[in-house]
């Protein structure tokens, strides 16, 4: 098994869970030297909340 593969993370949320999903993403990235691929299943996320998730600095591609 290769030790440095990206970790795939799948989250499902709606507007009620966006804050928690964002905190989870930020915490995983801040506290690990690993690379992640995040997938979020939208179960009712409003456009403003989607924009907030997309605008997280840690998710910007360099």
Protein backbone atom coordinates (compact mmCIF):
# COMPACT_ATOMS: atom_id res chain seq x y z
CA UNK A 1 0.00 0.00 0.00
CA UNK A 2 1.32 3.41 -0.94
CA UNK A 3 1.59 5.64 2.15
CA UNK A 4 1.33 9.01 0.45
CA UNK A 5 -1.85 8.67 -1.60
CA UNK A 6 -4.44 11.41 -1.42
CA UNK A 7 -7.22 10.79 1.06
CA UNK A 8 -10.71 10.93 -0.40
CA UNK A 9 -13.28 12.54 1.89
CA UNK A 10 -16.99 12.51 1.11
CA UNK A 11 -19.36 14.78 3.02
CA UNK A 12 -23.11 15.12 2.70
CA UNK A 13 -24.77 18.25 3.98
CA UNK A 14 -27.47 20.85 3.70
CA UNK A 15 -27.54 24.44 4.95
CA UNK A 16 -27.82 23.22 8.54
CA UNK A 17 -24.48 21.41 8.35
CA UNK A 18 -22.38 23.73 6.13
CA UNK A 19 -20.63 25.33 9.10
CA UNK A 20 -19.64 21.91 10.47
CA UNK A 21 -18.54 20.58 7.09
CA UNK A 22 -16.38 23.67 6.54
CA UNK A 23 -14.80 23.25 9.98
CA UNK A 24 -14.11 19.59 9.23
CA UNK A 25 -12.39 20.45 5.94
CA UNK A 26 -10.33 23.26 7.48
CA UNK A 27 -9.29 21.12 10.45
CA UNK A 28 -8.25 18.16 8.33
CA UNK A 29 -6.08 20.32 6.12
CA UNK A 30 -4.59 22.35 8.97
CA UNK A 31 -3.71 19.32 11.08
CA UNK A 32 -2.33 16.96 8.48
CA UNK A 33 0.47 17.02 5.99
CA UNK A 34 -1.56 14.81 3.68
CA UNK A 35 -3.37 15.76 0.49
CA UNK A 36 -7.14 15.43 0.33
CA UNK A 37 -9.79 15.19 -2.34
CA UNK A 38 -13.08 16.52 -0.97
CA UNK A 39 -16.47 15.69 -2.43
CA UNK A 40 -19.60 17.30 -1.02
CA UNK A 41 -23.04 15.91 -1.83
CA UNK A 42 -25.41 18.86 -1.89
CA UNK A 43 -28.64 18.00 -0.09
CA UNK A 44 -29.97 21.53 0.00
CA UNK A 45 -27.07 23.97 0.22
CA UNK A 46 -28.01 27.53 -0.70
CA UNK A 47 -26.01 29.47 -3.27
CA UNK A 48 -24.52 31.84 -0.64
CA UNK A 49 -23.31 28.86 1.42
CA UNK A 50 -21.89 27.14 -1.67
CA UNK A 51 -20.03 30.36 -2.43
CA UNK A 52 -18.65 30.41 1.14
CA UNK A 53 -17.36 26.86 0.79
CA UNK A 54 -15.82 27.60 -2.61
CA UNK A 55 -14.15 30.76 -1.33
CA UNK A 56 -12.31 29.07 1.54
CA UNK A 57 -8.65 30.01 1.07
CA UNK A 58 -7.54 26.48 1.79
CA UNK A 59 -9.54 25.16 -1.14
CA UNK A 60 -8.04 27.51 -3.70
CA UNK A 61 -5.79 25.83 -6.21
CA UNK A 62 -2.32 27.34 -6.37
